[in-house]
Amino acid sequence: MECDAVIHRRNGDYALVEIKLYSDERIEVGAENLKKVRNKINTDKMKEPKFMAVLTGSPFSYRRDDGIYVISIFSFGP
């Protein structure tokens, strides 16, 4: 169990990011993995993550019903 990146700010805020090739199945695997990692965090000692995201080659970026963002690398292109 792991996530590919943790974006951490000086104020203690952080986000969890999984990087997956595009397919609905891989996005789902990434999202489930993020939830498992989040559930292992001791929130008595640390804040909850500000957000969780799956960075992918999907043609679309969106927010899932569970609150996890799917971010398309193509959203940043020309």
PDB file of N, CA and C in Angstrom:
ATOM      1  N   MET A   1       0.841  -1.165   0.000  1.00  0.00           N
ATOM      2  CA  MET A   1       0.000   0.000   0.000  1.00  0.00           C
ATOM      3  C   MET A   1       0.894   1.239   0.000  1.00  0.00           C
ATOM      4  N   GLU A   2       0.627   2.131  -0.942  1.00  0.00           N
ATOM      5  CA  GLU A   2       1.413   3.354  -1.062  1.00  0.00           C
ATOM      6  C   GLU A   2       0.665   4.321  -1.959  1.00  0.00           C
ATOM      7  N   CYS A   3       1.122   5.565  -1.965  1.00  0.00           N
ATOM      8  CA  CYS A   3       0.651   6.497  -2.979  1.00  0.00           C
ATOM      9  C   CYS A   3       1.891   7.056  -3.662  1.00  0.00           C
ATOM     10  N   ASP A   4       1.731   7.545  -4.869  1.00  0.00           N
ATOM     11  CA  ASP A   4       2.889   7.940  -5.663  1.00  0.00           C
ATOM     12  C   ASP A   4       3.476   9.287  -5.261  1.00  0.00           C
ATOM     13  N   ALA A   5       2.653  10.173  -4.732  1.00  0.00           N
ATOM     14  CA  ALA A   5       3.166  11.493  -4.356  1.00  0.00           C
ATOM     15  C   ALA A   5       2.365  12.055  -3.193  1.00  0.00           C
ATOM     16  N   VAL A   6       3.062  12.798  -2.352  1.00  0.00           N
ATOM     17  CA  VAL A   6       2.420  13.561  -1.289  1.00  0.00           C
ATOM     18  C   VAL A   6       2.835  15.006  -1.506  1.00  0.00           C
ATOM     19  N   ILE A   7       1.853  15.858  -1.701  1.00  0.00           N
ATOM     20  CA  ILE A   7       2.110  17.289  -1.830  1.00  0.00           C
ATOM     21  C   ILE A   7       1.936  17.866  -0.429  1.00  0.00           C
ATOM     22  N   HIS A   8       2.997  18.448   0.108  1.00  0.00           N
ATOM     23  CA  HIS A   8       2.992  18.890   1.500  1.00  0.00           C
ATOM     24  C   HIS A   8       3.290  20.375   1.582  1.00  0.00           C
ATOM     25  N   ARG A   9       2.502  21.103   2.371  1.00  0.00           N
ATOM     26  CA  ARG A   9       2.720  22.540   2.565  1.00  0.00           C
ATOM     27  C   ARG A   9       3.281  22.793   3.962  1.00  0.00           C
ATOM     28  N   ARG A  10       3.907  23.927   4.135  1.00  0.00           N
ATOM     29  CA  ARG A  10       4.529  24.262   5.425  1.00  0.00           C
ATOM     30  C   ARG A  10       3.527  24.320   6.571  1.00  0.00           C
ATOM     31  N   ASN A  11       2.273  24.648   6.276  1.00  0.00           N
ATOM     32  CA  ASN A  11       1.264  24.751   7.336  1.00  0.00           C
ATOM     33  C   ASN A  11       0.710  23.395   7.765  1.00  0.00           C
ATOM     34  N   GLY A  12       1.230  22.315   7.190  1.00  0.00           N
ATOM     35  CA  GLY A  12       0.784  20.972   7.563  1.00  0.00           C
ATOM     36  C   GLY A  12      -0.272  20.399   6.639  1.00  0.00           C
ATOM     37  N   ASP A  13      -0.826  21.217   5.746  1.00  0.00           N
ATOM     38  CA  ASP A  13      -1.778  20.701   4.776  1.00  0.00           C
ATOM     39  C   ASP A  13      -1.038  19.791   3.794  1.00  0.00           C
ATOM     40  N   TYR A  14      -1.733  18.782   3.305  1.00  0.00           N
ATOM     41  CA  TYR A  14      -1.121  17.885   2.325  1.00  0.00           C
ATOM     42  C   TYR A  14      -2.192  17.227   1.471  1.00  0.00           C
ATOM     43  N   ALA A  15      -1.763  16.680   0.345  1.00  0.00           N
ATOM     44  CA  ALA A  15      -2.649  15.958  -0.566  1.00  0.00           C
ATOM     45  C   ALA A  15      -1.973  14.651  -0.954  1.00  0.00           C
ATOM     46  N   LEU A  16      -2.771  13.655  -1.254  1.00  0.00           N
ATOM     47  CA  LEU A  16      -2.280  12.352  -1.695  1.00  0.00           C
ATOM     48  C   LEU A  16      -2.583  12.189  -3.182  1.00  0.00           C
ATOM     49  N   VAL A  17      -1.596  11.725  -3.959  1.00  0.00           N
ATOM     50  CA  VAL A  17      -1.761  11.607  -5.402  1.00  0.00           C
ATOM     51  C   VAL A  17      -1.299  10.237  -5.878  1.00  0.00           C
ATOM     52  N   GLU A  18      -2.114   9.623  -6.705  1.00  0.00           N
ATOM     53  CA  GLU A  18      -1.767   8.381  -7.399  1.00  0.00           C
ATOM     54  C   GLU A  18      -1.621   8.716  -8.872  1.00  0.00           C
ATOM     55  N   ILE A  19      -0.686   8.092  -9.547  1.00  0.00           N
ATOM     56  CA  ILE A  19      -0.491   8.296 -10.978  1.00  0.00           C
ATOM     57  C   ILE A  19      -0.808   6.982 -11.679  1.00  0.00           C
ATOM     58  N   LYS A  20      -1.755   7.032 -12.607  1.00  0.00           N
ATOM     59  CA  LYS A  20      -2.202   5.821 -13.305  1.00  0.00           C
ATOM     60  C   LYS A  20      -2.358   6.101 -14.788  1.00  0.00           C
ATOM     61  N   LEU A  21      -2.033   5.105 -15.613  1.00  0.00           N
ATOM     62  CA  LEU A  21      -2.347   5.189 -17.027  1.00  0.00           C
ATOM     63  C   LEU A  21      -3.863   5.207 -17.172  1.00  0.00           C
ATOM     64  N   TYR A  22      -4.329   5.742 -18.273  1.00  0.00           N
ATOM     65  CA  TYR A  22      -5.769   5.890 -18.434  1.00  0.00           C
ATOM     66  C   TYR A  22      -6.482   4.571 -18.738  1.00  0.00           C
ATOM     67  N   SER A  23      -7.416   4.287 -17.917  1.00  0.00           N
ATOM     68  CA  SER A  23      -8.485   3.313 -18.126  1.00  0.00           C
ATOM     69  C   SER A  23      -9.372   3.454 -16.908  1.00  0.00           C
ATOM     70  N   ASP A  24     -10.651   3.230 -17.088  1.00  0.00           N
ATOM     71  CA  ASP A  24     -11.564   3.353 -15.950  1.00  0.00           C
ATOM     72  C   ASP A  24     -11.163   2.415 -14.818  1.00  0.00           C
ATOM     73  N   GLU A  25     -10.677   1.230 -15.174  1.00  0.00           N
ATOM     74  CA  GLU A  25     -10.284   0.260 -14.158  1.00  0.00           C
ATOM     75  C   GLU A  25      -9.066   0.753 -13.365  1.00  0.00           C
ATOM     76  N   ARG A  26      -8.078   1.325 -14.047  1.00  0.00           N
ATOM     77  CA  ARG A  26      -6.866   1.811 -13.370  1.00  0.00           C
ATOM     78  C   ARG A  26      -7.181   3.015 -12.489  1.00  0.00           C
ATOM     79  N   ILE A  27      -8.079   3.890 -12.952  1.00  0.00           N
ATOM     80  CA  ILE A  27      -8.498   5.027 -12.130  1.00  0.00           C
ATOM     81  C   ILE A  27      -9.160   4.518 -10.860  1.00  0.00           C
ATOM     82  N   GLU A  28      -9.997   3.507 -10.986  1.00  0.00           N
ATOM     83  CA  GLU A  28     -10.678   2.931  -9.820  1.00  0.00           C
ATOM     84  C   GLU A  28      -9.670   2.319  -8.854  1.00  0.00           C
ATOM     85  N   VAL A  29      -8.677   1.597  -9.379  1.00  0.00           N
ATOM     86  CA  VAL A  29      -7.629   1.017  -8.534  1.00  0.00           C
ATOM     87  C   VAL A  29      -6.885   2.133  -7.790  1.00  0.00           C
ATOM     88  N   GLY A  30      -6.546   3.198  -8.495  1.00  0.00           N
ATOM     89  CA  GLY A  30      -5.853   4.321  -7.866  1.00  0.00           C
ATOM     90  C   GLY A  30      -6.678   4.964  -6.768  1.00  0.00           C
ATOM     91  N   ALA A  31      -7.956   5.168  -7.023  1.00  0.00           N
ATOM     92  CA  ALA A  31      -8.839   5.781  -6.027  1.00  0.00           C
ATOM     93  C   ALA A  31      -8.978   4.884  -4.793  1.00  0.00           C
ATOM     94  N   GLU A  32      -9.144   3.611  -4.997  1.00  0.00           N
ATOM     95  CA  GLU A  32      -9.267   2.683  -3.861  1.00  0.00           C
ATOM     96  C   GLU A  32      -7.978   2.661  -3.047  1.00  0.00           C
ATOM     97  N   ASN A  33      -6.850   2.705  -3.723  1.00  0.00           N
ATOM     98  CA  ASN A  33      -5.564   2.728  -3.026  1.00  0.00           C
ATOM     99  C   ASN A  33      -5.438   3.994  -2.169  1.00  0.00           C
ATOM    100  N   LEU A  34      -5.854   5.142  -2.712  1.00  0.00           N
ATOM    101  CA  LEU A  34      -5.811   6.386  -1.946  1.00  0.00           C
ATOM    102  C   LEU A  34      -6.671   6.290  -0.687  1.00  0.00           C
ATOM    103  N   LYS A  35      -7.845   5.693  -0.810  1.00  0.00           N
ATOM    104  CA  LYS A  35      -8.729   5.533   0.356  1.00  0.00           C
ATOM    105  C   LYS A  35      -8.086   4.645   1.416  1.00  0.00           C
ATOM    106  N   LYS A  36      -7.406   3.590   0.989  1.00  0.00           N
ATOM    107  CA  LYS A  36      -6.722   2.713   1.944  1.00  0.00           C
ATOM    108  C   LYS A  36      -5.614   3.459   2.683  1.00  0.00           C
ATOM    109  N   VAL A  37      -4.837   4.251   1.948  1.00  0.00           N
ATOM    110  CA  VAL A  37      -3.764   5.032   2.579  1.00  0.00           C
ATOM    111  C   VAL A  37      -4.360   6.034   3.563  1.00  0.00           C
ATOM    112  N   ARG A  38      -5.409   6.748   3.128  1.00  0.00           N
ATOM    113  CA  ARG A  38      -6.061   7.736   4.004  1.00  0.00           C
ATOM    114  C   ARG A  38      -6.567   7.080   5.292  1.00  0.00           C
ATOM    115  N   ASN A  39      -7.107   5.889   5.189  1.00  0.00           N
ATOM    116  CA  ASN A  39      -7.651   5.212   6.367  1.00  0.00           C
ATOM    117  C   ASN A  39      -6.566   4.764   7.343  1.00  0.00           C
ATOM    118  N   LYS A  40      -5.304   4.718   6.911  1.00  0.00           N
ATOM    119  CA  LYS A  40      -4.193   4.356   7.797  1.00  0.00           C
ATOM    120  C   LYS A  40      -3.608   5.560   8.536  1.00  0.00           C
ATOM    121  N   ILE A  41      -4.005   6.762   8.160  1.00  0.00           N
ATOM    122  CA  ILE A  41      -3.445   7.977   8.763  1.00  0.00           C
ATOM    123  C   ILE A  41      -4.057   8.197  10.135  1.00  0.00           C
ATOM    124  N   ASN A  42      -3.204   8.403  11.119  1.00  0.00           N
ATOM    125  CA  ASN A  42      -3.656   8.679  12.481  1.00  0.00           C
ATOM    126  C   ASN A  42      -4.040  10.154  12.556  1.00  0.00           C
ATOM    127  N   THR A  43      -5.343  10.433  12.465  1.00  0.00           N
ATOM    128  CA  THR A  43      -5.805  11.815  12.451  1.00  0.00           C
ATOM    129  C   THR A  43      -5.787  12.468  13.830  1.00  0.00           C
ATOM    130  N   ASP A  44      -5.397  11.724  14.857  1.00  0.00           N
ATOM    131  CA  ASP A  44      -5.151  12.353  16.160  1.00  0.00           C
ATOM    132  C   ASP A  44      -3.818  13.095  16.128  1.00  0.00           C
ATOM    133  N   LYS A  45      -2.915  12.664  15.245  1.00  0.00           N
ATOM    134  CA  LYS A  45      -1.587  13.262  15.154  1.00  0.00           C
ATOM    135  C   LYS A  45      -1.403  14.110  13.906  1.00  0.00           C
ATOM    136  N   MET A  46      -2.216  13.867  12.880  1.00  0.00           N
ATOM    137  CA  MET A  46      -2.083  14.545  11.589  1.00  0.00           C
ATOM    138  C   MET A  46      -3.439  14.966  11.082  1.00  0.00           C
ATOM    139  N   LYS A  47      -3.443  15.993  10.267  1.00  0.00           N
ATOM    140  CA  LYS A  47      -4.682  16.421   9.622  1.00  0.00           C
ATOM    141  C   LYS A  47      -5.112  15.389   8.575  1.00  0.00           C
ATOM    142  N   GLU A  48      -6.381  15.475   8.193  1.00  0.00           N
ATOM    143  CA  GLU A  48      -6.859  14.729   7.022  1.00  0.00           C
ATOM    144  C   GLU A  48      -6.231  15.363   5.786  1.00  0.00           C
ATOM    145  N   PRO A  49      -6.055  14.608   4.704  1.00  0.00           N
ATOM    146  CA  PRO A  49      -5.555  15.237   3.479  1.00  0.00           C
ATOM    147  C   PRO A  49      -6.541  16.291   2.967  1.00  0.00           C
ATOM    148  N   LYS A  50      -6.015  17.388   2.436  1.00  0.00           N
ATOM    149  CA  LYS A  50      -6.864  18.437   1.862  1.00  0.00           C
ATOM    150  C   LYS A  50      -7.610  17.914   0.646  1.00  0.00           C
ATOM    151  N   PHE A  51      -6.948  17.078  -0.144  1.00  0.00           N
ATOM    152  CA  PHE A  51      -7.607  16.417  -1.261  1.00  0.00           C
ATOM    153  C   PHE A  51      -6.804  15.185  -1.652  1.00  0.00           C
ATOM    154  N   MET A  52      -7.455  14.332  -2.434  1.00  0.00           N
ATOM    155  CA  MET A  52      -6.805  13.161  -3.008  1.00  0.00           C
ATOM    156  C   MET A  52      -7.102  13.179  -4.499  1.00  0.00           C
ATOM    157  N   ALA A  53      -6.120  12.744  -5.302  1.00  0.00           N
ATOM    158  CA  ALA A  53      -6.302  12.815  -6.748  1.00  0.00           C
ATOM    159  C   ALA A  53      -5.600  11.660  -7.438  1.00  0.00           C
ATOM    160  N   VAL A  54      -6.182  11.259  -8.562  1.00  0.00           N
ATOM    161  CA  VAL A  54      -5.553  10.313  -9.485  1.00  0.00           C
ATOM    162  C   VAL A  54      -5.151  11.131 -10.708  1.00  0.00           C
ATOM    163  N   LEU A  55      -3.861  11.225 -10.961  1.00  0.00           N
ATOM    164  CA  LEU A  55      -3.330  11.912 -12.129  1.00  0.00           C
ATOM    165  C   LEU A  55      -3.234  10.888 -13.255  1.00  0.00           C
ATOM    166  N   THR A  56      -3.840  11.190 -14.398  1.00  0.00           N
ATOM    167  CA  THR A  56      -3.986  10.169 -15.428  1.00  0.00           C
ATOM    168  C   THR A  56      -3.973  10.757 -16.828  1.00  0.00           C
ATOM    169  N   GLY A  57      -3.915   9.900 -17.802  1.00  0.00           N
ATOM    170  CA  GLY A  57      -3.986  10.290 -19.200  1.00  0.00           C
ATOM    171  C   GLY A  57      -5.410  10.342 -19.725  1.00  0.00           C
ATOM    172  N   SER A  58      -6.368  10.324 -18.835  1.00  0.00           N
ATOM    173  CA  SER A  58      -7.768  10.427 -19.223  1.00  0.00           C
ATOM    174  C   SER A  58      -7.997  11.711 -20.022  1.00  0.00           C
ATOM    175  N   PRO A  59      -8.942  11.713 -20.943  1.00  0.00           N
ATOM    176  CA  PRO A  59      -9.212  12.954 -21.683  1.00  0.00           C
ATOM    177  C   PRO A  59      -9.994  13.977 -20.861  1.00  0.00           C
ATOM    178  N   PHE A  60     -10.450  13.613 -19.659  1.00  0.00           N
ATOM    179  CA  PHE A  60     -11.291  14.501 -18.855  1.00  0.00           C
ATOM    180  C   PHE A  60     -10.772  14.604 -17.433  1.00  0.00           C
ATOM    181  N   SER A  61     -10.994  15.761 -16.823  1.00  0.00           N
ATOM    182  CA  SER A  61     -10.752  15.952 -15.390  1.00  0.00           C
ATOM    183  C   SER A  61     -12.115  16.116 -14.724  1.00  0.00           C
ATOM    184  N   TYR A  62     -12.270  15.527 -13.565  1.00  0.00           N
ATOM    185  CA  TYR A  62     -13.555  15.610 -12.871  1.00  0.00           C
ATOM    186  C   TYR A  62     -13.378  15.227 -11.408  1.00  0.00           C
ATOM    187  N   ARG A  63     -14.402  15.500 -10.614  1.00  0.00           N
ATOM    188  CA  ARG A  63     -14.430  15.093  -9.215  1.00  0.00           C
ATOM    189  C   ARG A  63     -15.401  13.920  -9.093  1.00  0.00           C
ATOM    190  N   ARG A  64     -14.924  12.825  -8.535  1.00  0.00           N
ATOM    191  CA  ARG A  64     -15.753  11.631  -8.361  1.00  0.00           C
ATOM    192  C   ARG A  64     -16.739  11.841  -7.213  1.00  0.00           C
ATOM    193  N   ASP A  65     -17.746  10.985  -7.155  1.00  0.00           N
ATOM    194  CA  ASP A  65     -18.734  11.056  -6.082  1.00  0.00           C
ATOM    195  C   ASP A  65     -18.118  10.879  -4.700  1.00  0.00           C
ATOM    196  N   ASP A  66     -16.984  10.157  -4.609  1.00  0.00           N
ATOM    197  CA  ASP A  66     -16.328   9.944  -3.319  1.00  0.00           C
ATOM    198  C   ASP A  66     -15.380  11.098  -2.956  1.00  0.00           C
ATOM    199  N   GLY A  67     -15.351  12.149  -3.795  1.00  0.00           N
ATOM    200  CA  GLY A  67     -14.540  13.323  -3.500  1.00  0.00           C
ATOM    201  C   GLY A  67     -13.131  13.287  -4.073  1.00  0.00           C
ATOM    202  N   ILE A  68     -12.741  12.181  -4.663  1.00  0.00           N
ATOM    203  CA  ILE A  68     -11.404  12.062  -5.242  1.00  0.00           C
ATOM    204  C   ILE A  68     -11.411  12.695  -6.629  1.00  0.00           C
ATOM    205  N   TYR A  69     -10.403  13.529  -6.869  1.00  0.00           N
ATOM    206  CA  TYR A  69     -10.281  14.187  -8.168  1.00  0.00           C
ATOM    207  C   TYR A  69      -9.561  13.274  -9.160  1.00  0.00           C
ATOM    208  N   VAL A  70     -10.030  13.266 -10.383  1.00  0.00           N
ATOM    209  CA  VAL A  70      -9.329  12.629 -11.494  1.00  0.00           C
ATOM    210  C   VAL A  70      -8.814  13.792 -12.325  1.00  0.00           C
ATOM    211  N   ILE A  71      -7.492  13.910 -12.426  1.00  0.00           N
ATOM    212  CA  ILE A  71      -6.875  15.048 -13.106  1.00  0.00           C
ATOM    213  C   ILE A  71      -6.172  14.552 -14.352  1.00  0.00           C
ATOM    214  N   SER A  72      -6.610  15.065 -15.485  1.00  0.00           N
ATOM    215  CA  SER A  72      -6.035  14.689 -16.771  1.00  0.00           C
ATOM    216  C   SER A  72      -4.757  15.477 -17.016  1.00  0.00           C
ATOM    217  N   ILE A  73      -3.699  14.780 -17.406  1.00  0.00           N
ATOM    218  CA  ILE A  73      -2.480  15.510 -17.752  1.00  0.00           C
ATOM    219  C   ILE A  73      -2.705  16.326 -19.023  1.00  0.00           C
ATOM    220  N   PHE A  74      -3.711  15.977 -19.805  1.00  0.00           N
ATOM    221  CA  PHE A  74      -4.017  16.717 -21.026  1.00  0.00           C
ATOM    222  C   PHE A  74      -4.707  18.034 -20.721  1.00  0.00           C
ATOM    223  N   SER A  75      -5.200  18.221 -19.512  1.00  0.00           N
ATOM    224  CA  SER A  75      -5.815  19.495 -19.129  1.00  0.00           C
ATOM    225  C   SER A  75      -4.786  20.603 -19.060  1.00  0.00           C
ATOM    226  N   PHE A  76      -3.506  20.254 -18.956  1.00  0.00           N
ATOM    227  CA  PHE A  76      -2.447  21.240 -18.792  1.00  0.00           C
ATOM    228  C   PHE A  76      -1.766  21.576 -20.101  1.00  0.00           C
ATOM    229  N   GLY A  77      -2.142  20.915 -21.187  1.00  0.00           N
ATOM    230  CA  GLY A  77      -1.468  21.112 -22.475  1.00  0.00           C
ATOM    231  C   GLY A  77      -1.969  22.331 -23.212  1.00  0.00           C
ATOM    232  N   PRO A  78      -1.418  22.572 -24.407  1.00  0.00           N
ATOM    233  CA  PRO A  78      -1.812  23.740 -25.216  1.00  0.00           C
ATOM    234  C   PRO A  78      -3.243  23.672 -25.710  1.00  0.00           C
TER     235      PRO A  78
END
